Amino acid sequence: MAKVVTSKKQKKSGTKSLRVHEPFTSKELKNSHLVAETLLDCIKSGDTDSFREVLVAHLMTVNKSEVAKRAGIGRRTLYDLMDPNKEFNPELSTISAVIRSLAA
């Protein structure tokens, strides 16, 4: 059986093809008290689409692990809430835990 020849020279990485990640920079979206009030207003008006949009935008700006820890829910639950391919139908306990953690 013949030996496999491997290249000893390392290839350069494709750093030119990488895109720079620019997270959301809105100060309003990082303000957890303002987001909590907005989410409560969405609940009062029954607007679940706006609720999800505001929640997803806020979660994109903050550390999801910290939010999950403060809310006492799993990090995967937050990612499921953010997933556009999944139906948005969270339990009341999940919503109240997230809003409680934002208001604290």
N, C-alpha and C. Protein backbone atom coordinates (compact mmCIF):
# COMPACT_ATOMS: atom_id res chain seq x y z
N MET A 1 0.84 -1.17 0.00
CA MET A 1 0.00 0.00 0.00
C MET A 1 0.89 1.23 0.00
N ALA A 2 0.59 2.18 -0.85
CA ALA A 2 1.41 3.37 -1.01
C ALA A 2 1.15 4.34 0.13
N LYS A 3 2.19 5.11 0.43
CA LYS A 3 2.06 6.12 1.48
C LYS A 3 1.27 7.32 0.95
N VAL A 4 0.51 7.93 1.86
CA VAL A 4 -0.27 9.11 1.49
C VAL A 4 0.62 10.32 1.65
N VAL A 5 0.69 11.13 0.62
CA VAL A 5 1.53 12.32 0.64
C VAL A 5 0.68 13.49 1.15
N THR A 6 1.21 14.18 2.13
CA THR A 6 0.51 15.36 2.64
C THR A 6 1.37 16.59 2.44
N SER A 7 0.73 17.70 2.29
CA SER A 7 1.45 18.95 2.10
C SER A 7 1.98 19.42 3.45
N LYS A 8 3.23 19.79 3.47
CA LYS A 8 3.84 20.27 4.70
C LYS A 8 3.64 21.77 4.87
N LYS A 9 3.28 22.44 3.81
CA LYS A 9 3.09 23.88 3.87
C LYS A 9 1.65 24.18 4.28
N GLN A 10 1.48 25.01 5.30
CA GLN A 10 0.13 25.37 5.74
C GLN A 10 -0.46 26.41 4.81
N LYS A 11 -1.73 26.27 4.58
CA LYS A 11 -2.42 27.21 3.72
C LYS A 11 -2.82 28.44 4.52
N LYS A 12 -2.88 29.56 3.82
CA LYS A 12 -3.31 30.80 4.48
C LYS A 12 -4.82 30.74 4.70
N SER A 13 -5.24 31.34 5.80
CA SER A 13 -6.68 31.35 6.09
C SER A 13 -7.38 32.36 5.18
N GLY A 14 -8.64 32.15 5.02
CA GLY A 14 -9.43 33.02 4.16
C GLY A 14 -9.99 34.20 4.91
N THR A 15 -9.15 35.00 5.56
CA THR A 15 -9.63 36.13 6.34
C THR A 15 -10.27 37.20 5.48
N LYS A 16 -9.92 37.24 4.21
CA LYS A 16 -10.51 38.24 3.34
C LYS A 16 -11.99 37.96 3.09
N SER A 17 -12.36 36.70 3.19
CA SER A 17 -13.75 36.35 2.91
C SER A 17 -14.64 36.44 4.15
N LEU A 18 -14.07 36.65 5.32
CA LEU A 18 -14.86 36.74 6.55
C LEU A 18 -15.58 38.08 6.61
N ARG A 19 -16.79 38.05 7.14
CA ARG A 19 -17.54 39.29 7.31
C ARG A 19 -17.42 39.77 8.75
N VAL A 20 -17.44 41.05 8.92
CA VAL A 20 -17.39 41.64 10.25
C VAL A 20 -18.78 41.59 10.84
N HIS A 21 -18.87 41.09 12.07
CA HIS A 21 -20.16 41.00 12.76
C HIS A 21 -20.44 42.33 13.44
N GLU A 22 -21.54 42.94 13.06
CA GLU A 22 -21.95 44.20 13.69
C GLU A 22 -23.24 43.95 14.46
N PRO A 23 -23.15 43.82 15.79
CA PRO A 23 -24.37 43.58 16.57
C PRO A 23 -25.25 44.83 16.60
N PHE A 24 -26.47 44.63 17.05
CA PHE A 24 -27.37 45.76 17.19
C PHE A 24 -26.73 46.75 18.15
N THR A 25 -26.82 48.02 17.81
CA THR A 25 -26.17 49.03 18.66
C THR A 25 -27.17 50.00 19.28
N SER A 26 -28.44 49.72 19.17
CA SER A 26 -29.45 50.62 19.70
C SER A 26 -29.42 50.63 21.23
N LYS A 27 -29.34 51.82 21.80
CA LYS A 27 -29.34 51.95 23.26
C LYS A 27 -30.71 51.58 23.84
N GLU A 28 -31.77 51.83 23.08
CA GLU A 28 -33.11 51.51 23.55
C GLU A 28 -33.30 50.01 23.69
N LEU A 29 -32.71 49.25 22.77
CA LEU A 29 -32.86 47.79 22.84
C LEU A 29 -32.04 47.19 23.98
N LYS A 30 -31.01 47.86 24.43
CA LYS A 30 -30.22 47.37 25.55
C LYS A 30 -30.83 47.75 26.89
N ASN A 31 -31.73 48.72 26.90
CA ASN A 31 -32.37 49.17 28.12
C ASN A 31 -33.46 48.16 28.51
N SER A 32 -33.14 47.32 29.49
CA SER A 32 -34.06 46.23 29.83
C SER A 32 -35.38 46.73 30.42
N HIS A 33 -35.36 47.84 31.14
CA HIS A 33 -36.61 48.37 31.73
C HIS A 33 -37.55 48.85 30.62
N LEU A 34 -37.00 49.53 29.63
CA LEU A 34 -37.81 50.01 28.51
C LEU A 34 -38.37 48.84 27.71
N VAL A 35 -37.55 47.82 27.51
CA VAL A 35 -38.00 46.64 26.77
C VAL A 35 -39.10 45.91 27.55
N ALA A 36 -38.96 45.81 28.87
CA ALA A 36 -39.98 45.16 29.69
C ALA A 36 -41.31 45.91 29.59
N GLU A 37 -41.27 47.24 29.63
CA GLU A 37 -42.50 48.03 29.50
C GLU A 37 -43.13 47.83 28.13
N THR A 38 -42.31 47.79 27.10
CA THR A 38 -42.81 47.60 25.74
C THR A 38 -43.45 46.23 25.59
N LEU A 39 -42.82 45.20 26.17
CA LEU A 39 -43.38 43.86 26.11
C LEU A 39 -44.73 43.78 26.83
N LEU A 40 -44.83 44.45 27.97
CA LEU A 40 -46.10 44.48 28.69
C LEU A 40 -47.19 45.19 27.88
N ASP A 41 -46.81 46.27 27.19
CA ASP A 41 -47.78 46.96 26.33
C ASP A 41 -48.25 46.06 25.19
N CYS A 42 -47.31 45.27 24.64
CA CYS A 42 -47.69 44.34 23.57
C CYS A 42 -48.65 43.28 24.08
N ILE A 43 -48.44 42.82 25.32
CA ILE A 43 -49.34 41.83 25.91
C ILE A 43 -50.72 42.44 26.13
N LYS A 44 -50.76 43.69 26.63
CA LYS A 44 -52.04 44.35 26.87
C LYS A 44 -52.85 44.53 25.59
N SER A 45 -52.14 44.84 24.50
CA SER A 45 -52.84 45.06 23.23
C SER A 45 -53.08 43.77 22.46
N GLY A 46 -52.45 42.66 22.91
CA GLY A 46 -52.64 41.38 22.24
C GLY A 46 -51.84 41.23 20.96
N ASP A 47 -50.80 42.00 20.81
CA ASP A 47 -49.98 42.00 19.60
C ASP A 47 -48.79 41.06 19.77
N THR A 48 -48.97 39.79 19.43
CA THR A 48 -47.89 38.80 19.64
C THR A 48 -46.75 38.98 18.64
N ASP A 49 -47.04 39.49 17.44
CA ASP A 49 -45.98 39.69 16.47
C ASP A 49 -44.99 40.75 16.94
N SER A 50 -45.52 41.86 17.45
CA SER A 50 -44.65 42.92 17.97
C SER A 50 -43.90 42.44 19.21
N PHE A 51 -44.57 41.65 20.03
CA PHE A 51 -43.93 41.09 21.23
C PHE A 51 -42.70 40.29 20.83
N ARG A 52 -42.87 39.43 19.86
CA ARG A 52 -41.74 38.58 19.43
C ARG A 52 -40.64 39.43 18.81
N GLU A 53 -40.98 40.41 17.98
CA GLU A 53 -39.96 41.25 17.35
C GLU A 53 -39.14 42.01 18.38
N VAL A 54 -39.80 42.59 19.37
CA VAL A 54 -39.10 43.35 20.39
C VAL A 54 -38.22 42.42 21.23
N LEU A 55 -38.76 41.26 21.60
CA LEU A 55 -38.00 40.31 22.40
C LEU A 55 -36.78 39.80 21.66
N VAL A 56 -36.93 39.45 20.39
CA VAL A 56 -35.81 38.95 19.59
C VAL A 56 -34.77 40.04 19.41
N ALA A 57 -35.19 41.26 19.13
CA ALA A 57 -34.24 42.36 18.95
C ALA A 57 -33.46 42.61 20.24
N HIS A 58 -34.14 42.54 21.38
CA HIS A 58 -33.45 42.73 22.66
C HIS A 58 -32.45 41.60 22.92
N LEU A 59 -32.88 40.38 22.67
CA LEU A 59 -31.99 39.24 22.92
C LEU A 59 -30.78 39.25 21.99
N MET A 60 -30.91 39.87 20.83
CA MET A 60 -29.77 39.97 19.92
C MET A 60 -28.71 40.94 20.46
N THR A 61 -29.10 41.85 21.35
CA THR A 61 -28.17 42.86 21.85
C THR A 61 -27.53 42.48 23.17
N VAL A 62 -28.09 41.52 23.88
CA VAL A 62 -27.59 41.18 25.21
C VAL A 62 -27.05 39.75 25.23
N ASN A 63 -26.42 39.40 26.34
CA ASN A 63 -25.90 38.06 26.54
C ASN A 63 -27.05 37.14 26.93
N LYS A 64 -27.35 36.21 26.06
CA LYS A 64 -28.50 35.32 26.28
C LYS A 64 -28.30 34.39 27.47
N SER A 65 -27.07 34.02 27.74
CA SER A 65 -26.80 33.15 28.89
C SER A 65 -27.15 33.85 30.19
N GLU A 66 -26.81 35.12 30.28
CA GLU A 66 -27.12 35.88 31.50
C GLU A 66 -28.63 36.08 31.66
N VAL A 67 -29.30 36.35 30.56
CA VAL A 67 -30.76 36.53 30.62
C VAL A 67 -31.42 35.23 31.06
N ALA A 68 -30.98 34.11 30.50
CA ALA A 68 -31.55 32.82 30.87
C ALA A 68 -31.29 32.50 32.34
N LYS A 69 -30.10 32.82 32.81
CA LYS A 69 -29.76 32.54 34.21
C LYS A 69 -30.62 33.39 35.15
N ARG A 70 -30.78 34.69 34.82
CA ARG A 70 -31.60 35.57 35.67
C ARG A 70 -33.06 35.16 35.64
N ALA A 71 -33.53 34.69 34.48
CA ALA A 71 -34.94 34.30 34.35
C ALA A 71 -35.20 32.92 34.92
N GLY A 72 -34.16 32.13 35.08
CA GLY A 72 -34.35 30.78 35.61
C GLY A 72 -34.90 29.81 34.57
N ILE A 73 -34.61 30.10 33.31
CA ILE A 73 -35.04 29.20 32.23
C ILE A 73 -33.81 28.76 31.46
N GLY A 74 -33.98 27.77 30.61
CA GLY A 74 -32.87 27.26 29.83
C GLY A 74 -32.50 28.20 28.69
N ARG A 75 -31.22 28.22 28.37
CA ARG A 75 -30.75 29.05 27.26
C ARG A 75 -31.38 28.59 25.95
N ARG A 76 -31.56 27.30 25.83
CA ARG A 76 -32.17 26.74 24.61
C ARG A 76 -33.59 27.27 24.42
N THR A 77 -34.28 27.54 25.52
CA THR A 77 -35.63 28.09 25.44
C THR A 77 -35.60 29.47 24.79
N LEU A 78 -34.60 30.28 25.14
CA LEU A 78 -34.48 31.60 24.52
C LEU A 78 -34.19 31.47 23.03
N TYR A 79 -33.33 30.55 22.67
CA TYR A 79 -33.04 30.35 21.26
C TYR A 79 -34.27 29.84 20.51
N ASP A 80 -35.07 29.02 21.15
CA ASP A 80 -36.32 28.56 20.53
C ASP A 80 -37.29 29.72 20.32
N LEU A 81 -37.32 30.66 21.26
CA LEU A 81 -38.17 31.83 21.10
C LEU A 81 -37.71 32.70 19.93
N MET A 82 -36.41 32.72 19.69
CA MET A 82 -35.85 33.55 18.63
C MET A 82 -35.92 32.90 17.25
N ASP A 83 -36.09 31.59 17.20
CA ASP A 83 -36.06 30.86 15.94
C ASP A 83 -37.27 31.21 15.08
N PRO A 84 -37.05 31.80 13.90
CA PRO A 84 -38.18 32.18 13.05
C PRO A 84 -38.91 30.99 12.42
N ASN A 85 -38.25 29.84 12.39
CA ASN A 85 -38.86 28.65 11.79
C ASN A 85 -39.81 27.92 12.73
N LYS A 86 -39.73 28.24 14.02
CA LYS A 86 -40.58 27.58 15.00
C LYS A 86 -41.79 28.47 15.31
N GLU A 87 -42.88 27.81 15.69
CA GLU A 87 -44.08 28.55 16.06
C GLU A 87 -43.83 29.27 17.39
N PHE A 88 -44.27 30.51 17.46
CA PHE A 88 -44.09 31.31 18.67
C PHE A 88 -45.30 31.12 19.56
N ASN A 89 -45.17 30.18 20.50
CA ASN A 89 -46.27 29.90 21.42
C ASN A 89 -45.68 29.54 22.79
N PRO A 90 -45.01 30.52 23.44
CA PRO A 90 -44.39 30.21 24.73
C PRO A 90 -45.42 30.08 25.84
N GLU A 91 -45.02 29.39 26.88
CA GLU A 91 -45.88 29.25 28.05
C GLU A 91 -45.90 30.56 28.83
N LEU A 92 -46.95 30.76 29.60
CA LEU A 92 -47.08 31.97 30.40
C LEU A 92 -45.94 32.08 31.41
N SER A 93 -45.51 30.95 31.96
CA SER A 93 -44.43 30.98 32.94
C SER A 93 -43.12 31.45 32.30
N THR A 94 -42.89 31.10 31.05
CA THR A 94 -41.69 31.55 30.35
C THR A 94 -41.73 33.05 30.10
N ILE A 95 -42.87 33.53 29.65
CA ILE A 95 -43.01 34.98 29.40
C ILE A 95 -42.85 35.78 30.69
N SER A 96 -43.50 35.31 31.76
CA SER A 96 -43.40 36.05 33.01
C SER A 96 -41.98 36.01 33.57
N ALA A 97 -41.27 34.92 33.40
CA ALA A 97 -39.89 34.83 33.88
C ALA A 97 -38.98 35.77 33.12
N VAL A 98 -39.17 35.87 31.82
CA VAL A 98 -38.34 36.77 31.01
C VAL A 98 -38.63 38.23 31.36
N ILE A 99 -39.89 38.60 31.46
CA ILE A 99 -40.23 39.98 31.78
C ILE A 99 -39.78 40.33 33.20
N ARG A 100 -39.94 39.40 34.13
CA ARG A 100 -39.49 39.62 35.51
C ARG A 100 -37.98 39.87 35.56
N SER A 101 -37.23 39.10 34.78
CA SER A 101 -35.77 39.26 34.78
C SER A 101 -35.36 40.58 34.13
N LEU A 102 -36.13 41.03 33.14
CA LEU A 102 -35.82 42.30 32.49
C LEU A 102 -36.15 43.48 33.40
N ALA A 103 -37.21 43.37 34.14
CA ALA A 103 -37.63 44.47 35.01
C ALA A 103 -36.78 44.59 36.27
N ALA A 104 -36.09 43.51 36.64
CA ALA A 104 -35.28 43.53 37.87
C ALA A 104 -34.00 44.32 37.69
